């Protein structure tokens, strides 16, 4: 009797773990997609991307991949990484906000300091430039 009860408890725990993992994965994908969409918004305004005929989706995927290597968090669905994706997306959309000054203050608060914002922007810019080089060489 105890064995059957233990087996049922284990099955319930596995189901709970699976549901939790699925929720975490979906949330992580949403945050990563938010960042990717913000990158595409910036790419659409970049004349170099059009001149080199680089596919915006390929470019955005590349930038997400490269920049995420220098973001907080150990793996793609780490809560720190998911927060970084949201913060980077905010950073990239500051100029298009209704009140850019207020948006920049929110970004500074989200990142924790102006220095952290600067480091994130440098990471994004370096990743962007590396991706242009990689994708142009593929053509």
N, C-alpha and C. Protein backbone atom coordinates (compact mmCIF):
# COMPACT_ATOMS: atom_id res chain seq x y z
N UNK A 1 0.82 -1.18 0.00
CA UNK A 1 0.00 0.00 0.00
C UNK A 1 0.87 1.26 0.00
N UNK A 2 1.90 1.25 0.83
CA UNK A 2 2.79 2.40 0.89
C UNK A 2 3.53 2.60 -0.42
N UNK A 3 3.87 1.50 -1.07
CA UNK A 3 4.59 1.61 -2.34
C UNK A 3 3.73 2.29 -3.41
N UNK A 4 2.46 1.91 -3.50
CA UNK A 4 1.55 2.53 -4.46
C UNK A 4 1.39 4.01 -4.16
N UNK A 5 1.28 4.32 -2.89
CA UNK A 5 1.13 5.73 -2.48
C UNK A 5 2.38 6.53 -2.86
N UNK A 6 3.53 5.96 -2.60
CA UNK A 6 4.79 6.64 -2.95
C UNK A 6 4.92 6.83 -4.47
N UNK A 7 4.49 5.82 -5.22
CA UNK A 7 4.53 5.94 -6.68
C UNK A 7 3.61 7.06 -7.17
N UNK A 8 2.42 7.17 -6.57
CA UNK A 8 1.49 8.24 -6.95
C UNK A 8 2.08 9.61 -6.60
N UNK A 9 2.71 9.71 -5.46
CA UNK A 9 3.32 10.97 -5.04
C UNK A 9 4.44 11.34 -6.01
N UNK A 10 5.27 10.36 -6.38
CA UNK A 10 6.36 10.61 -7.33
C UNK A 10 5.81 11.08 -8.68
N UNK A 11 4.74 10.45 -9.14
CA UNK A 11 4.13 10.85 -10.41
C UNK A 11 3.59 12.28 -10.33
N UNK A 12 2.97 12.63 -9.23
CA UNK A 12 2.46 13.99 -9.06
C UNK A 12 3.60 14.99 -9.04
N UNK A 13 4.67 14.63 -8.36
CA UNK A 13 5.83 15.53 -8.29
C UNK A 13 6.45 15.71 -9.66
N UNK A 14 6.52 14.64 -10.45
CA UNK A 14 7.05 14.74 -11.81
C UNK A 14 6.18 15.64 -12.67
N UNK A 15 4.87 15.50 -12.53
CA UNK A 15 3.95 16.34 -13.30
C UNK A 15 4.12 17.81 -12.92
N UNK A 16 4.22 18.08 -11.63
CA UNK A 16 4.40 19.45 -11.16
C UNK A 16 5.71 20.01 -11.69
N UNK A 17 6.76 19.23 -11.65
CA UNK A 17 8.06 19.65 -12.16
C UNK A 17 8.00 19.92 -13.66
N UNK A 18 7.33 19.05 -14.38
CA UNK A 18 7.19 19.22 -15.83
C UNK A 18 6.39 20.49 -16.17
N UNK A 19 5.31 20.73 -15.46
CA UNK A 19 4.50 21.93 -15.70
C UNK A 19 5.32 23.18 -15.35
N UNK A 20 6.05 23.13 -14.25
CA UNK A 20 6.89 24.27 -13.87
C UNK A 20 7.97 24.54 -14.89
N UNK A 21 8.60 23.51 -15.38
CA UNK A 21 9.64 23.65 -16.39
C UNK A 21 9.06 24.21 -17.69
N UNK A 22 7.89 23.74 -18.07
CA UNK A 22 7.24 24.24 -19.28
C UNK A 22 6.90 25.73 -19.13
N UNK A 23 6.40 26.11 -17.97
CA UNK A 23 6.07 27.53 -17.74
C UNK A 23 7.32 28.39 -17.79
N UNK A 24 8.39 27.91 -17.19
CA UNK A 24 9.65 28.64 -17.20
C UNK A 24 10.18 28.77 -18.62
N UNK A 25 10.09 27.72 -19.41
CA UNK A 25 10.56 27.74 -20.79
C UNK A 25 9.74 28.73 -21.61
N UNK A 26 8.42 28.70 -21.47
CA UNK A 26 7.59 29.63 -22.22
C UNK A 26 7.87 31.07 -21.84
N UNK A 27 8.07 31.31 -20.56
CA UNK A 27 8.38 32.67 -20.11
C UNK A 27 9.73 33.12 -20.67
N UNK A 28 10.71 32.23 -20.64
CA UNK A 28 12.03 32.56 -21.17
C UNK A 28 11.98 32.84 -22.66
N UNK A 29 11.20 32.06 -23.38
CA UNK A 29 11.06 32.30 -24.83
C UNK A 29 10.40 33.64 -25.10
N UNK A 30 9.41 33.98 -24.29
CA UNK A 30 8.72 35.26 -24.48
C UNK A 30 9.68 36.42 -24.25
N UNK A 31 10.52 36.32 -23.21
CA UNK A 31 11.48 37.38 -22.92
C UNK A 31 12.52 37.49 -24.03
N UNK A 32 12.98 36.35 -24.49
CA UNK A 32 13.97 36.35 -25.57
C UNK A 32 13.35 36.91 -26.85
N UNK A 33 12.11 36.55 -27.12
CA UNK A 33 11.43 37.08 -28.31
C UNK A 33 11.19 38.58 -28.22
N UNK A 34 10.92 39.06 -27.01
CA UNK A 34 10.75 40.50 -26.80
C UNK A 34 12.04 41.22 -27.17
N UNK A 35 13.17 40.69 -26.73
CA UNK A 35 14.48 41.27 -27.06
C UNK A 35 14.73 41.19 -28.56
N UNK A 36 14.41 40.04 -29.17
CA UNK A 36 14.62 39.87 -30.60
C UNK A 36 13.77 40.86 -31.40
N UNK A 37 12.54 41.09 -30.99
CA UNK A 37 11.66 42.05 -31.66
C UNK A 37 12.21 43.48 -31.54
N UNK A 38 12.77 43.79 -30.38
CA UNK A 38 13.37 45.12 -30.19
C UNK A 38 14.57 45.29 -31.12
N UNK A 39 15.33 44.23 -31.30
CA UNK A 39 16.48 44.28 -32.22
C UNK A 39 15.98 44.48 -33.65
N UNK A 40 14.96 43.76 -34.04
CA UNK A 40 14.42 43.91 -35.39
C UNK A 40 13.93 45.33 -35.61
N UNK A 41 13.33 45.94 -34.58
CA UNK A 41 12.90 47.33 -34.68
C UNK A 41 14.07 48.26 -34.96
N UNK A 42 15.21 47.98 -34.35
CA UNK A 42 16.41 48.80 -34.60
C UNK A 42 16.99 48.49 -35.98
N UNK A 43 16.98 47.23 -36.38
CA UNK A 43 17.53 46.82 -37.67
C UNK A 43 16.78 47.48 -38.81
N UNK A 44 15.47 47.57 -38.66
CA UNK A 44 14.65 48.18 -39.72
C UNK A 44 15.06 49.62 -40.01
N UNK A 45 15.72 50.26 -39.06
CA UNK A 45 16.15 51.65 -39.23
C UNK A 45 17.61 51.76 -39.64
N UNK A 46 18.30 50.63 -39.77
CA UNK A 46 19.74 50.65 -40.05
C UNK A 46 20.00 50.51 -41.55
N UNK A 47 20.57 51.53 -42.19
CA UNK A 47 20.81 51.47 -43.63
C UNK A 47 21.85 50.41 -44.03
N UNK A 48 22.81 50.11 -43.14
CA UNK A 48 23.83 49.11 -43.47
C UNK A 48 23.21 47.73 -43.70
N UNK A 49 22.23 47.40 -42.90
CA UNK A 49 21.57 46.09 -43.03
C UNK A 49 20.90 46.00 -44.40
N UNK A 50 20.27 47.07 -44.81
CA UNK A 50 19.61 47.08 -46.13
C UNK A 50 20.65 47.06 -47.25
N UNK A 51 21.72 47.84 -47.09
CA UNK A 51 22.76 47.89 -48.12
C UNK A 51 23.42 46.53 -48.32
N UNK A 52 23.68 45.83 -47.23
CA UNK A 52 24.33 44.52 -47.33
C UNK A 52 23.34 43.40 -47.59
N UNK A 53 22.05 43.73 -47.67
CA UNK A 53 20.98 42.76 -47.93
C UNK A 53 21.01 41.60 -46.92
N UNK A 54 21.12 41.97 -45.66
CA UNK A 54 21.12 40.99 -44.57
C UNK A 54 19.67 40.78 -44.13
N UNK A 55 19.28 39.53 -43.97
CA UNK A 55 17.95 39.20 -43.50
C UNK A 55 17.81 39.66 -42.04
N UNK A 56 16.81 40.52 -41.74
CA UNK A 56 16.65 41.03 -40.38
C UNK A 56 16.47 39.95 -39.31
N UNK A 57 15.77 38.88 -39.67
CA UNK A 57 15.56 37.80 -38.70
C UNK A 57 16.87 37.08 -38.40
N UNK A 58 17.69 36.83 -39.43
CA UNK A 58 19.00 36.21 -39.22
C UNK A 58 19.88 37.11 -38.37
N UNK A 59 19.84 38.40 -38.66
CA UNK A 59 20.64 39.36 -37.91
C UNK A 59 20.20 39.39 -36.45
N UNK A 60 18.92 39.47 -36.21
CA UNK A 60 18.41 39.53 -34.84
C UNK A 60 18.75 38.25 -34.07
N UNK A 61 18.61 37.10 -34.71
CA UNK A 61 18.96 35.83 -34.05
C UNK A 61 20.43 35.80 -33.69
N UNK A 62 21.26 36.28 -34.59
CA UNK A 62 22.69 36.32 -34.34
C UNK A 62 23.02 37.24 -33.15
N UNK A 63 22.41 38.42 -33.13
CA UNK A 63 22.68 39.38 -32.05
C UNK A 63 22.21 38.81 -30.71
N UNK A 64 21.05 38.18 -30.69
CA UNK A 64 20.56 37.57 -29.45
C UNK A 64 21.56 36.53 -28.98
N UNK A 65 22.01 35.68 -29.89
CA UNK A 65 22.95 34.63 -29.54
C UNK A 65 24.27 35.20 -29.00
N UNK A 66 24.85 36.14 -29.73
CA UNK A 66 26.15 36.71 -29.33
C UNK A 66 26.04 37.50 -28.03
N UNK A 67 25.04 38.37 -27.93
CA UNK A 67 24.95 39.23 -26.75
C UNK A 67 24.56 38.45 -25.50
N UNK A 68 23.80 37.38 -25.66
CA UNK A 68 23.37 36.63 -24.48
C UNK A 68 24.54 35.94 -23.78
N UNK A 69 25.61 35.73 -24.51
CA UNK A 69 26.80 35.10 -23.89
C UNK A 69 27.43 35.98 -22.82
N UNK A 70 27.17 37.29 -22.89
CA UNK A 70 27.73 38.21 -21.90
C UNK A 70 26.66 38.80 -20.99
N UNK A 71 25.50 38.17 -20.97
CA UNK A 71 24.42 38.61 -20.08
C UNK A 71 24.50 37.84 -18.78
N UNK A 72 23.88 38.38 -17.74
CA UNK A 72 23.82 37.63 -16.48
C UNK A 72 23.04 36.33 -16.68
N UNK A 73 23.28 35.39 -15.83
CA UNK A 73 22.58 34.10 -15.89
C UNK A 73 23.45 33.05 -16.53
N UNK A 74 23.29 31.84 -16.07
CA UNK A 74 24.14 30.74 -16.53
C UNK A 74 23.61 30.02 -17.77
N UNK A 75 22.30 30.09 -17.98
CA UNK A 75 21.70 29.38 -19.10
C UNK A 75 20.49 30.15 -19.60
N UNK A 76 19.95 29.73 -20.72
CA UNK A 76 18.91 30.49 -21.41
C UNK A 76 17.68 30.79 -20.56
N UNK A 77 17.28 29.91 -19.69
CA UNK A 77 16.05 30.11 -18.93
C UNK A 77 16.32 30.45 -17.47
N UNK A 78 17.52 30.87 -17.17
CA UNK A 78 17.87 31.36 -15.85
C UNK A 78 17.07 32.64 -15.61
N UNK A 79 16.45 32.82 -14.44
CA UNK A 79 15.68 34.04 -14.19
C UNK A 79 16.49 35.33 -14.40
N UNK A 80 17.77 35.30 -14.08
CA UNK A 80 18.61 36.47 -14.32
C UNK A 80 18.74 36.76 -15.82
N UNK A 81 18.84 35.72 -16.62
CA UNK A 81 18.94 35.89 -18.08
C UNK A 81 17.62 36.43 -18.64
N UNK A 82 16.52 35.90 -18.13
CA UNK A 82 15.22 36.37 -18.61
C UNK A 82 15.04 37.86 -18.28
N UNK A 83 15.47 38.27 -17.10
CA UNK A 83 15.40 39.68 -16.72
C UNK A 83 16.32 40.50 -17.63
N UNK A 84 17.47 39.96 -17.96
CA UNK A 84 18.39 40.67 -18.85
C UNK A 84 17.76 40.88 -20.22
N UNK A 85 17.07 39.87 -20.75
CA UNK A 85 16.40 40.02 -22.04
C UNK A 85 15.39 41.17 -21.97
N UNK A 86 14.60 41.23 -20.89
CA UNK A 86 13.62 42.31 -20.75
C UNK A 86 14.32 43.67 -20.65
N UNK A 87 15.40 43.72 -19.88
CA UNK A 87 16.12 44.99 -19.73
C UNK A 87 16.75 45.45 -21.05
N UNK A 88 17.34 44.53 -21.78
CA UNK A 88 17.95 44.89 -23.07
C UNK A 88 16.88 45.37 -24.04
N UNK A 89 15.70 44.73 -24.02
CA UNK A 89 14.61 45.17 -24.89
C UNK A 89 14.19 46.60 -24.53
N UNK A 90 14.11 46.88 -23.23
CA UNK A 90 13.79 48.25 -22.79
C UNK A 90 14.84 49.23 -23.28
N UNK A 91 16.10 48.83 -23.16
CA UNK A 91 17.20 49.70 -23.58
C UNK A 91 17.08 50.05 -25.07
N UNK A 92 16.75 49.08 -25.88
CA UNK A 92 16.68 49.31 -27.33
C UNK A 92 15.46 50.11 -27.76
N UNK A 93 14.48 50.23 -26.89
CA UNK A 93 13.27 50.96 -27.26
C UNK A 93 13.14 52.31 -26.58
N UNK A 94 14.20 52.76 -25.90
CA UNK A 94 14.16 54.05 -25.20
C UNK A 94 13.84 55.20 -26.15
N UNK A 95 14.49 55.24 -27.30
CA UNK A 95 14.31 56.37 -28.23
C UNK A 95 12.88 56.45 -28.77
N UNK A 96 12.21 55.34 -28.88
CA UNK A 96 10.86 55.35 -29.44
C UNK A 96 9.78 55.50 -28.37
N UNK A 97 10.17 55.63 -27.12
CA UNK A 97 9.20 55.79 -26.03
C UNK A 97 8.55 57.17 -26.09
N UNK A 98 7.36 57.27 -25.51
CA UNK A 98 6.66 58.56 -25.47
C UNK A 98 7.50 59.61 -24.74
N UNK A 99 8.09 59.21 -23.63
CA UNK A 99 8.94 60.10 -22.84
C UNK A 99 10.31 59.43 -22.70
N UNK A 100 11.23 59.70 -23.64
CA UNK A 100 12.53 59.04 -23.62
C UNK A 100 13.33 59.24 -22.33
N UNK A 101 13.22 60.42 -21.73
CA UNK A 101 13.94 60.65 -20.47
C UNK A 101 13.44 59.75 -19.36
N UNK A 102 12.13 59.65 -19.25
CA UNK A 102 11.53 58.78 -18.24
C UNK A 102 11.89 57.32 -18.53
N UNK A 103 11.84 56.94 -19.80
CA UNK A 103 12.18 55.57 -20.19
C UNK A 103 13.64 55.26 -19.84
N UNK A 104 14.54 56.23 -20.04
CA UNK A 104 15.94 56.01 -19.71
C UNK A 104 16.13 55.86 -18.20
N UNK A 105 15.39 56.62 -17.43
CA UNK A 105 15.47 56.48 -15.97
C UNK A 105 15.00 55.08 -15.55
N UNK A 106 13.95 54.59 -16.19
CA UNK A 106 13.46 53.24 -15.90
C UNK A 106 14.52 52.19 -16.27
N UNK A 107 15.19 52.41 -17.39
CA UNK A 107 16.25 51.49 -17.81
C UNK A 107 17.38 51.49 -16.80
N UNK A 108 17.80 52.67 -16.35
CA UNK A 108 18.87 52.76 -15.34
C UNK A 108 18.46 52.04 -14.07
N UNK A 109 17.21 52.22 -13.67
CA UNK A 109 16.72 51.54 -12.47
C UNK A 109 16.72 50.02 -12.68
N UNK A 110 16.26 49.58 -13.85
CA UNK A 110 16.21 48.14 -14.15
C UNK A 110 17.60 47.51 -14.14
N UNK A 111 18.56 48.21 -14.72
CA UNK A 111 19.93 47.68 -14.77
C UNK A 111 20.68 47.88 -13.46
N UNK A 112 20.26 48.86 -12.68
CA UNK A 112 20.91 49.08 -11.39
C UNK A 112 21.86 50.27 -11.35
N UNK A 113 22.38 50.67 -12.52
CA UNK A 113 23.28 51.82 -12.56
C UNK A 113 23.50 52.25 -14.00
N UNK A 114 24.00 53.48 -14.15
CA UNK A 114 24.32 53.98 -15.48
C UNK A 114 25.46 53.17 -16.09
N UNK A 115 26.39 52.72 -15.25
CA UNK A 115 27.51 51.92 -15.74
C UNK A 115 27.02 50.59 -16.32
N UNK A 116 26.06 49.96 -15.65
CA UNK A 116 25.51 48.69 -16.15
C UNK A 116 24.78 48.90 -17.48
N UNK A 117 24.10 50.04 -17.62
CA UNK A 117 23.44 50.37 -18.89
C UNK A 117 24.47 50.52 -19.98
N UNK A 118 25.56 51.21 -19.67
CA UNK A 118 26.63 51.41 -20.64
C UNK A 118 27.26 50.08 -21.06
N UNK A 119 27.48 49.20 -20.11
CA UNK A 119 28.05 47.88 -20.41
C UNK A 119 27.10 47.07 -21.28
N UNK A 120 25.81 47.15 -21.01
CA UNK A 120 24.82 46.43 -21.81
C UNK A 120 24.78 46.98 -23.23
N UNK A 121 24.83 48.29 -23.35
CA UNK A 121 24.82 48.90 -24.67
C UNK A 121 26.07 48.51 -25.45
N UNK A 122 27.21 48.47 -24.79
CA UNK A 122 28.45 48.04 -25.42
C UNK A 122 28.35 46.59 -25.87
N UNK A 123 27.79 45.74 -25.04
CA UNK A 123 27.60 44.34 -25.39
C UNK A 123 26.72 44.21 -26.63
N UNK A 124 25.61 44.95 -26.64
CA UNK A 124 24.71 44.92 -27.80
C UNK A 124 25.43 45.41 -29.06
N UNK A 125 26.12 46.54 -28.96
CA UNK A 125 26.80 47.12 -30.12
C UNK A 125 27.88 46.20 -30.66
N UNK A 126 28.68 45.63 -29.77
CA UNK A 126 29.74 44.71 -30.21
C UNK A 126 29.13 43.48 -30.89
N UNK A 127 28.06 42.96 -30.32
CA UNK A 127 27.39 41.80 -30.91
C UNK A 127 26.82 42.15 -32.28
N UNK A 128 26.24 43.32 -32.38
CA UNK A 128 25.67 43.79 -33.65
C UNK A 128 26.75 43.85 -34.72
N UNK A 129 27.88 44.44 -34.39
CA UNK A 129 28.98 44.59 -35.36
C UNK A 129 29.56 43.23 -35.76
N UNK A 130 29.71 42.33 -34.78
CA UNK A 130 30.21 40.99 -35.09
C UNK A 130 29.26 40.26 -36.03
N UNK A 131 27.97 40.42 -35.80
CA UNK A 131 26.97 39.73 -36.63
C UNK A 131 26.95 40.28 -38.05
N UNK A 132 27.12 41.59 -38.20
CA UNK A 132 27.20 42.15 -39.55
C UNK A 132 28.37 41.48 -40.28
N UNK A 133 29.51 41.41 -39.61
CA UNK A 133 30.70 40.82 -40.24
C UNK A 133 30.46 39.36 -40.61
N UNK A 134 29.90 38.59 -39.69
CA UNK A 134 29.65 37.17 -39.94
C UNK A 134 28.66 36.97 -41.09
N UNK A 135 27.57 37.72 -41.07
CA UNK A 135 26.53 37.52 -42.08
C UNK A 135 26.94 38.05 -43.47
N UNK A 136 27.76 39.09 -43.51
CA UNK A 136 28.24 39.58 -44.80
C UNK A 136 29.21 38.56 -45.41
N UNK A 137 30.02 37.95 -44.57
CA UNK A 137 30.97 36.93 -45.07
C UNK A 137 30.26 35.68 -45.58
N UNK A 138 29.09 35.39 -45.05
CA UNK A 138 28.32 34.22 -45.51
C UNK A 138 27.76 34.42 -46.91
N UNK A 139 27.61 35.68 -47.32
CA UNK A 139 26.97 35.96 -48.62
C UNK A 139 27.89 35.69 -49.78
